Protein backbone atom coordinates (compact mmCIF):
# COMPACT_ATOMS: atom_id res chain seq x y z
CA MET A 1 42.40 47.18 -20.54
CA LYS A 2 44.81 45.38 -22.84
CA ASN A 3 43.48 44.53 -26.29
CA GLY A 4 44.26 41.04 -27.55
CA ALA A 5 45.07 39.89 -24.03
CA GLY A 6 43.49 37.38 -21.72
CA ILE A 7 43.36 35.67 -18.37
CA ILE A 8 42.01 32.38 -17.02
CA LEU A 9 39.88 31.94 -13.89
CA SER A 10 40.41 28.49 -12.38
CA ALA A 11 40.24 26.73 -9.01
CA PRO A 12 41.52 23.66 -7.16
CA SER A 13 38.20 21.87 -7.69
CA SER A 14 34.66 22.11 -8.99
CA ASN A 15 32.06 24.03 -6.97
CA SER A 16 34.57 26.69 -5.94
CA GLY A 17 32.50 29.56 -7.32
CA LYS A 18 34.18 29.98 -10.72
CA THR A 19 30.98 30.46 -12.71
CA ILE A 20 29.30 33.08 -10.54
CA ILE A 21 32.55 35.04 -10.17
CA THR A 22 33.17 34.88 -13.94
CA LEU A 23 29.62 35.99 -14.73
CA GLY A 24 29.79 38.84 -12.23
CA LEU A 25 33.11 40.01 -13.66
CA LEU A 26 31.86 39.84 -17.25
CA ARG A 27 28.70 41.79 -16.47
CA ALA A 28 30.58 44.36 -14.37
CA LEU A 29 32.93 45.06 -17.28
CA SER A 30 30.16 45.02 -19.87
CA ARG A 31 28.03 47.57 -18.07
CA GLU A 32 31.07 49.85 -17.78
CA GLY A 33 31.23 49.90 -21.57
CA PHE A 34 34.10 47.46 -22.08
CA LYS A 35 33.88 45.15 -25.09
CA ILE A 36 34.86 41.89 -23.45
CA LYS A 37 34.74 38.32 -24.75
CA SER A 38 34.78 35.06 -22.86
CA ALA A 39 35.34 31.35 -23.30
CA LYS A 40 34.78 28.17 -21.34
CA SER A 41 37.42 25.47 -21.02
CA GLY A 42 36.17 22.00 -21.89
CA PRO A 43 32.97 20.64 -23.44
CA ASP A 44 30.38 22.34 -21.16
CA TYR A 45 27.59 23.61 -23.40
CA ILE A 46 25.50 25.36 -20.71
CA ASP A 47 27.92 27.86 -19.15
CA THR A 48 28.66 29.46 -22.53
CA ARG A 49 25.08 30.75 -22.80
CA PHE A 50 25.37 32.38 -19.38
CA HIS A 51 28.70 33.94 -20.40
CA ALA A 52 27.17 35.40 -23.56
CA ALA A 53 24.28 36.87 -21.57
CA ALA A 54 26.64 38.38 -19.01
CA SER A 55 29.12 39.91 -21.47
CA ARG A 56 26.61 40.63 -24.23
CA SER A 57 29.17 39.09 -26.58
CA GLU A 58 30.18 35.74 -28.05
CA CYS A 59 31.50 32.84 -26.02
CA TYR A 60 33.19 29.68 -27.30
CA ASN A 61 34.21 26.34 -25.85
CA LEU A 62 37.97 25.74 -25.86
CA ASP A 63 38.56 22.02 -25.53
CA THR A 64 42.22 20.99 -25.67
CA TRP A 65 41.34 17.30 -25.80
CA ALA A 66 39.07 17.64 -28.83
CA MET A 67 40.58 20.65 -30.63
CA HIS A 68 43.91 21.30 -32.28
CA SER A 69 45.94 24.10 -30.67
CA ASN A 70 45.65 26.20 -33.84
CA GLN A 71 41.88 25.89 -33.73
CA ILE A 72 41.86 27.17 -30.17
CA SER A 73 44.19 30.05 -30.96
CA ASN A 74 42.09 31.05 -33.95
CA LEU A 75 38.87 31.06 -31.93
CA VAL A 76 40.31 33.53 -29.42
CA ASN A 77 42.24 35.60 -31.98
CA SER A 78 40.44 38.90 -31.43
CA PRO A 79 41.35 42.45 -30.42
CA SER A 80 38.90 42.26 -27.53
CA PRO A 81 40.21 41.17 -24.12
CA LEU A 82 39.31 37.61 -23.16
CA ILE A 83 38.25 36.04 -19.87
CA ILE A 84 38.29 32.22 -19.78
CA GLU A 85 36.48 30.18 -17.15
CA GLY A 86 38.21 26.90 -16.41
CA ALA A 87 36.49 23.56 -15.89
CA MET A 88 36.75 21.44 -12.73
CA GLY A 89 40.12 21.83 -10.99
CA LEU A 90 43.07 23.47 -12.74
CA PHE A 91 44.89 20.20 -13.56
CA ASP A 92 41.80 17.99 -14.02
CA GLY A 93 41.41 16.52 -17.51
CA ALA A 94 40.89 13.30 -19.39
CA PRO A 95 42.77 10.16 -18.41
CA PRO A 96 45.49 9.10 -18.61
CA ASN A 97 47.48 12.37 -18.57
CA GLY A 98 44.99 15.17 -17.89
CA GLU A 99 44.76 16.32 -21.51
CA GLY A 100 41.87 18.76 -21.84
CA SER A 101 42.58 20.41 -18.48
CA THR A 102 42.52 24.15 -17.88
CA ALA A 103 46.26 23.96 -17.22
CA HIS A 104 46.73 22.47 -20.70
CA LEU A 105 44.76 25.37 -22.16
CA ALA A 106 46.84 27.91 -20.19
CA LYS A 107 50.00 26.49 -21.77
CA ILE A 108 48.60 26.56 -25.31
CA LEU A 109 47.57 30.21 -25.00
CA ASP A 110 50.43 31.16 -22.66
CA LEU A 111 47.99 32.93 -20.32
CA PRO A 112 48.16 33.63 -16.58
CA VAL A 113 45.78 31.96 -14.14
CA ILE A 114 43.78 33.47 -11.30
CA LEU A 115 43.08 30.80 -8.69
CA ILE A 116 39.68 30.98 -6.99
CA LEU A 117 39.87 29.40 -3.54
CA ASP A 118 36.84 28.07 -1.69
CA VAL A 119 38.09 28.72 1.86
CA THR A 120 35.14 27.12 3.64
CA SER A 121 36.37 25.32 6.78
CA GLN A 122 39.96 26.33 6.07
CA ALA A 123 42.41 28.89 7.45
CA GLN A 124 46.23 28.75 7.32
CA SER A 125 46.13 25.51 5.32
CA VAL A 126 45.06 27.52 2.29
CA ALA A 127 48.73 28.46 1.81
CA ALA A 128 49.69 24.80 1.42
CA VAL A 129 47.02 24.38 -1.26
CA VAL A 130 48.28 27.36 -3.24
CA LEU A 131 51.91 26.35 -2.83
CA GLY A 132 51.11 22.90 -4.18
CA PHE A 133 49.45 24.38 -7.26
CA MET A 134 52.44 26.68 -7.79
CA LYS A 135 54.96 23.84 -7.53
CA LEU A 136 53.18 21.09 -9.47
CA ASP A 137 53.88 22.68 -12.84
CA PRO A 138 56.14 25.76 -12.79
CA ASP A 139 55.16 26.56 -16.39
CA ILE A 140 51.66 27.51 -15.17
CA LYS A 141 51.63 31.18 -14.16
CA ILE A 142 49.42 31.55 -11.09
CA SER A 143 49.27 35.33 -11.05
CA GLY A 144 46.47 36.14 -8.63
CA LEU A 145 44.17 34.74 -5.95
CA ILE A 146 40.49 35.27 -5.14
CA LEU A 147 39.26 34.14 -1.73
CA ASN A 148 35.68 32.85 -1.93
CA LYS A 149 33.17 31.97 0.79
CA VAL A 150 35.06 33.82 3.51
CA GLY A 151 33.30 33.48 6.87
CA SER A 152 34.20 36.71 8.68
CA ASP A 153 36.67 39.58 8.87
CA LYS A 154 38.77 37.55 11.29
CA HIS A 155 38.74 34.59 8.92
CA ASN A 156 39.82 36.89 6.09
CA ARG A 157 42.76 38.28 8.09
CA MET A 158 43.96 34.75 8.89
CA LEU A 159 43.83 33.75 5.22
CA ILE A 160 45.65 36.84 3.98
CA SER A 161 48.35 36.49 6.64
CA ALA A 162 48.96 32.86 5.64
CA LEU A 163 49.12 33.67 1.92
CA GLU A 164 51.29 36.80 2.03
CA PRO A 165 54.66 34.93 2.13
CA LEU A 166 53.84 33.31 -1.24
CA GLY A 167 53.96 36.72 -2.95
CA ILE A 168 50.89 36.20 -5.16
CA PRO A 169 48.50 39.18 -5.33
CA ILE A 170 45.21 38.68 -3.49
CA LEU A 171 42.62 40.30 -5.73
CA GLY A 172 39.78 40.32 -3.22
CA SER A 173 37.68 38.36 -0.76
CA ILE A 174 34.08 37.33 -1.30
CA TYR A 175 32.10 36.59 1.82
CA ARG A 176 29.62 33.72 1.99
CA GLN A 177 26.42 34.36 0.06
CA THR A 178 23.11 32.58 0.42
CA ASP A 179 21.17 34.53 -2.20
CA LEU A 180 23.49 34.12 -5.21
CA GLU A 181 23.16 30.46 -6.06
CA MET A 182 22.33 29.23 -9.52
CA PRO A 183 19.62 26.57 -9.92
CA SER A 184 20.82 23.24 -11.24
CA ARG A 185 19.56 19.93 -12.58
CA HIS A 186 21.11 16.64 -13.64
CA LEU A 187 23.22 18.00 -16.52
CA GLY A 188 24.41 21.03 -14.57
CA LEU A 189 22.93 24.50 -14.50
CA VAL A 190 19.41 25.30 -15.56
CA GLN A 191 19.76 26.86 -19.01
CA ALA A 192 20.15 30.61 -19.40
CA GLN A 193 17.03 30.96 -21.55
CA GLU A 194 14.92 29.28 -18.86
CA LEU A 195 15.58 31.93 -16.19
CA ASN A 196 13.15 34.83 -16.25
CA ASN A 197 15.24 36.75 -13.73
CA LEU A 198 18.63 36.10 -15.36
CA ASN A 199 19.43 39.77 -15.93
CA MET A 200 18.62 40.59 -12.32
CA PHE A 201 20.87 37.74 -11.19
CA LEU A 202 23.74 38.96 -13.39
CA GLU A 203 23.39 42.52 -12.13
CA LYS A 204 23.47 41.31 -8.54
CA ALA A 205 26.56 39.22 -9.25
CA ALA A 206 28.20 42.23 -10.89
CA ASP A 207 27.43 44.39 -7.85
CA LEU A 208 29.04 41.79 -5.59
CA ILE A 209 32.16 41.43 -7.74
CA SER A 210 32.59 45.19 -8.15
CA LYS A 211 32.66 45.65 -4.40
CA ALA A 212 34.68 42.57 -3.45
CA LEU A 213 37.39 42.42 -6.12
CA ASP A 214 39.98 44.80 -7.50
CA ILE A 215 38.86 44.61 -11.12
CA GLN A 216 41.59 46.92 -12.34
CA LYS A 217 44.24 44.60 -10.91
CA ILE A 218 42.60 41.68 -12.73
CA LEU A 219 42.77 43.63 -16.00
CA ASP A 220 46.38 44.57 -15.36
CA LEU A 221 47.26 40.87 -14.96
CA MET A 222 46.07 40.06 -18.48
CA GLU A 223 48.79 39.03 -20.94
CA PRO A 224 48.88 38.80 -24.74
CA ILE A 225 47.34 35.65 -26.15
CA LYS A 226 49.74 33.38 -28.02
CA GLN A 227 49.05 33.71 -31.71
CA PRO A 228 48.30 30.67 -33.91
CA LYS A 229 51.07 29.24 -36.07
CA GLN A 230 48.69 29.11 -39.01
CA SER A 231 45.49 30.98 -39.76
CA SER A 232 43.41 28.12 -41.16
CA SER A 233 40.86 26.39 -38.96
CA ILE A 234 40.40 22.63 -38.99
CA PHE A 235 36.99 22.00 -37.52
CA LEU A 236 34.12 19.77 -38.50
CA ASP A 237 33.10 19.33 -42.13
CA PRO A 238 29.33 19.90 -42.36
CA PRO A 239 27.11 16.85 -42.90
CA ALA A 240 25.06 18.86 -45.44
CA GLN A 241 25.12 22.20 -47.23
CA SER A 242 21.78 23.34 -45.84
CA ILE A 243 20.76 22.50 -42.27
CA ALA A 244 17.68 23.28 -40.17
CA ILE A 245 18.55 23.21 -36.46
CA ALA A 246 16.10 22.75 -33.59
CA ASN A 247 16.65 25.51 -31.06
CA ASP A 248 14.62 25.94 -27.87
CA ALA A 249 14.68 24.83 -24.22
CA ALA A 250 14.41 21.17 -25.25
CA PHE A 251 17.14 21.34 -27.92
CA SER A 252 19.85 23.89 -27.20
CA PHE A 253 23.18 22.10 -26.89
CA THR A 254 24.89 23.30 -30.05
CA TYR A 255 28.56 24.30 -30.00
CA PRO A 256 28.99 27.93 -31.20
CA HIS A 257 32.38 27.18 -32.76
CA ILE A 258 30.83 24.56 -35.05
CA LEU A 259 28.04 26.86 -36.23
CA LYS A 260 30.57 29.65 -36.81
CA GLU A 261 32.74 27.42 -39.00
CA TRP A 262 29.82 25.99 -40.94
CA LYS A 263 28.60 29.49 -41.75
CA LYS A 264 32.13 30.39 -42.92
CA MET A 265 31.99 27.38 -45.23
CA GLY A 266 28.79 28.71 -46.79
CA VAL A 267 26.35 26.32 -45.10
CA GLU A 268 22.77 27.63 -45.07
CA ILE A 269 21.48 27.42 -41.49
CA SER A 270 17.99 28.07 -40.19
CA PHE A 271 16.41 27.47 -36.78
CA PHE A 272 13.03 26.23 -35.60
CA SER A 273 11.33 25.33 -32.32
CA PRO A 274 9.78 21.87 -31.80
CA LEU A 275 8.29 23.11 -28.51
CA GLN A 276 6.33 25.69 -30.51
CA ASN A 277 5.23 22.88 -32.83
CA GLN A 278 7.15 24.39 -35.73
CA ALA A 279 8.19 22.51 -38.83
CA PRO A 280 11.72 23.24 -40.11
CA GLN A 281 12.42 24.97 -43.37
CA GLU A 282 13.09 22.47 -46.15
CA LYS A 283 16.81 21.72 -45.99
CA ASP A 284 19.15 18.86 -46.85
CA LEU A 285 19.37 17.92 -43.16
CA VAL A 286 17.48 18.52 -39.92
CA PHE A 287 19.72 18.60 -36.82
CA LEU A 288 18.16 17.84 -33.43
CA PRO A 289 20.80 18.82 -30.82
CA GLY A 290 20.96 17.69 -27.23
CA GLY A 291 19.00 19.36 -24.48
CA TYR A 292 16.22 18.36 -22.11
CA PRO A 293 13.48 16.70 -24.20
CA GLU A 294 12.61 14.50 -21.21
CA LEU A 295 11.34 17.58 -19.36
CA TYR A 296 9.08 18.47 -22.28
CA ALA A 297 8.25 14.96 -23.45
CA GLU A 298 4.48 15.36 -23.19
CA LYS A 299 4.53 18.60 -25.15
CA LEU A 300 6.76 17.07 -27.82
CA ALA A 301 4.54 14.00 -28.01
CA ASN A 302 1.61 16.28 -28.90
CA ALA A 303 3.55 18.54 -31.31
CA HIS A 304 1.97 16.89 -34.35
CA ASN A 305 3.09 19.46 -36.90
CA PHE A 306 6.70 19.01 -35.81
CA LYS A 307 6.41 15.22 -35.70
CA ASN A 308 4.83 14.95 -39.14
CA SER A 309 7.46 17.22 -40.67
CA MET A 310 10.27 15.03 -39.28
CA LYS A 311 8.91 11.97 -41.01
CA LYS A 312 8.95 13.88 -44.32
CA ALA A 313 12.46 15.31 -43.87
CA LYS A 314 15.17 14.36 -46.37
CA SER A 315 17.55 13.46 -43.56
CA VAL A 316 17.63 13.87 -39.76
CA TYR A 317 20.59 13.75 -37.38
CA GLY A 318 20.23 13.79 -33.59
CA GLU A 319 22.64 14.11 -30.68
CA CYS A 320 21.85 12.92 -27.15
CA GLY A 321 18.43 14.47 -26.41
CA GLY A 322 17.81 14.81 -30.13
CA TYR A 323 18.77 11.15 -30.58
CA MET A 324 16.31 10.09 -27.89
CA THR A 325 13.58 12.17 -29.53
CA MET A 326 14.19 10.32 -32.80
CA GLY A 327 13.31 7.05 -31.05
CA LYS A 328 9.94 5.44 -30.53
CA GLY A 329 9.42 6.70 -27.01
CA ILE A 330 10.89 8.35 -23.91
CA VAL A 331 9.97 7.29 -20.37
CA ASP A 332 10.12 10.30 -18.07
CA ALA A 333 11.31 10.39 -14.45
CA GLN A 334 7.80 9.56 -13.22
CA GLY A 335 7.67 6.39 -15.33
CA LYS A 336 5.27 7.71 -17.98
CA ARG A 337 6.06 6.82 -21.60
CA HIS A 338 5.71 9.47 -24.33
CA GLU A 339 5.52 8.73 -28.06
CA MET A 340 8.39 10.29 -29.98
CA LEU A 341 9.29 10.49 -33.69
CA ASP A 342 9.73 6.77 -34.41
CA LEU A 343 12.59 7.44 -36.83
CA LEU A 344 14.89 5.01 -34.99
CA ASN A 345 14.15 1.71 -33.25
CA LEU A 346 15.06 3.19 -29.88
CA GLU A 347 13.47 3.39 -26.43
CA THR A 348 15.03 5.41 -23.60
CA SER A 349 14.11 6.08 -19.98
CA PHE A 350 14.82 8.51 -17.14
CA GLU A 351 12.87 6.51 -14.56
CA THR A 352 16.15 5.01 -13.34
CA ARG A 353 19.01 7.40 -13.99
CA LYS A 354 22.53 6.23 -14.85
CA LEU A 355 25.43 8.60 -15.52
CA ASN A 356 27.27 8.12 -18.82
CA LEU A 357 30.21 10.50 -19.02
CA GLY A 358 33.47 10.88 -20.90
CA TYR A 359 35.32 11.83 -24.06
CA ARG A 360 34.81 9.66 -27.11
CA ASN A 361 36.87 8.92 -30.23
CA LEU A 362 34.45 8.04 -33.01
CA ILE A 363 34.78 6.28 -36.35
CA PRO A 364 31.59 6.94 -38.36
CA ASN A 365 29.75 4.40 -40.49
CA ASN A 366 27.84 7.05 -42.41
CA ILE A 367 26.99 10.81 -42.75
CA TRP A 368 30.31 12.04 -41.26
CA THR A 369 33.39 11.84 -43.48
CA SER A 370 36.20 11.73 -40.90
CA GLU A 371 37.10 10.40 -37.48
CA LEU A 372 35.63 12.54 -34.75
CA LYS A 373 36.22 13.83 -31.24
CA ALA A 374 33.15 13.94 -29.02
CA HIS A 375 31.82 14.01 -25.47
CA GLU A 376 29.12 11.90 -23.85
CA PHE A 377 27.17 13.20 -20.85
CA HIS A 378 23.69 11.97 -20.00
CA TYR A 379 21.63 10.08 -17.42
CA ALA A 380 19.33 8.20 -19.77
CA THR A 381 18.96 4.44 -19.75
CA THR A 382 18.61 2.68 -23.10
CA LEU A 383 15.76 0.18 -22.98
CA LYS A 384 16.04 -0.86 -26.63
CA ALA A 385 18.33 0.07 -29.52
CA LYS A 386 18.09 -2.04 -32.67
CA GLY A 387 19.70 -1.31 -36.01
CA LYS A 388 23.01 -0.53 -37.66
CA PRO A 389 25.32 1.45 -35.35
CA LEU A 390 26.44 4.94 -36.34
CA PHE A 391 29.88 4.90 -34.67
CA LYS A 392 32.65 2.64 -33.50
CA ALA A 393 33.94 4.21 -30.28
CA THR A 394 36.86 4.30 -27.88
CA ASP A 395 37.38 6.38 -24.74
CA SER A 396 40.18 8.90 -24.11
CA GLU A 397 42.56 6.08 -23.14
CA GLY A 398 41.84 4.10 -26.31
CA ASN A 399 39.71 1.46 -24.61
CA VAL A 400 37.15 -0.04 -26.98
CA LEU A 401 33.56 0.86 -26.10
CA PRO A 402 30.30 -0.61 -27.41
CA ASP A 403 29.23 0.79 -30.77
CA MET A 404 27.28 4.02 -30.45
CA GLY A 405 24.11 5.28 -32.11
CA LEU A 406 21.82 4.02 -34.84
CA ILE A 407 21.26 4.43 -38.57
CA ASN A 408 17.90 3.95 -40.27
CA GLY A 409 18.09 5.01 -43.91
CA ASN A 410 18.67 8.76 -43.85
CA PHE A 411 18.03 9.03 -40.12
CA TYR A 412 21.04 8.99 -37.81
CA GLY A 413 21.82 9.69 -34.17
CA SER A 414 23.80 8.87 -31.04
CA PHE A 415 24.41 10.05 -27.48
CA ALA A 416 27.70 11.69 -28.53
CA HIS A 417 28.07 15.47 -28.71
CA ILE A 418 30.53 15.98 -31.55
CA ILE A 419 33.14 18.68 -30.89
CA GLY A 420 35.46 18.39 -33.85
CA THR A 421 37.50 16.30 -36.25
CA HIS A 422 40.20 13.94 -35.07
CA ILE A 423 43.60 15.31 -36.11
CA LYS A 424 46.64 13.04 -35.90
């Protein structure tokens, strides 16, 4: 295995099997004693936890829309080999030009791409798909193919015969599986820490990948990662010098790269669990990240020690699920209202779900000291939001959006998941 080298696993579209194949590969290498690291393209904050469990190592988000290229290069600057899982399809990114795509990341790091092909209901036409991906951007190095959801030996022979003239190595074929599916909910996968049988699942995925793929060929395809032009990182200045962060199944959507940088800057960080009715250590700021508070709303409503401590906190900042928890109440999917922290004049509901999704450029009114890059992804409906807004916002195309979030004294929050600082 090449040290300081990497490869990207991508696909023509979502739901092609990237995550399960990546997890199986990471666990297969880990249990063979390889020190392997991984990353996830884009803002997905759930897959990274599965990666870390599979590889028994760190995993970071690499978001080319929200991060400077030097930041990305510095995050992956390690002697350990790196496997990156792409998001959506290879060229899919933010409008108008696809910035933030896996292809964009491949160019920044100068890494080869393995294309995972869902061949369901397809035979010879698979060659046209691959040829199109090869031709669309010749600077993208498609160096290997994985055939997924193959129906039979005959089907496999037809696919291989059609692809052979393209001259791209076929690294293996995975036949259709009915017992290796990951449970999901409205924000994507069920979280890694919620699965009691996660290790069993990862071992089974590793067994499958070890038999179906030529892992040594995959390792041989790895190439050196392009080094950063400068060593300094330019991430997010901390909102306080000591921060207590909620961390459990209801509040788990924190970006590892942000916590890493804050610790480097000397920020004191501690963790606590609202679901266990814990009060945070006394810090300058309490951070309530996103997660699934709506699934635990009744338990949170009765976590009186936690609730009382929040009212006494010096300052509280919440993102998405944390923001909703800071409000007066949350209405769950069954229409039942649960009393929350009452730190913000906010009421939210999941009784009628509405998708809110996209990158956000943010200009803060308080707490944050610079313009920000963020991502919004939730299904909550806002029933009431009264008070001074936290952010002025535009989307990835620069279109003006309604102001986001609320400020109430030293209590702040919004639906935005902040990824980093805007760099011109």
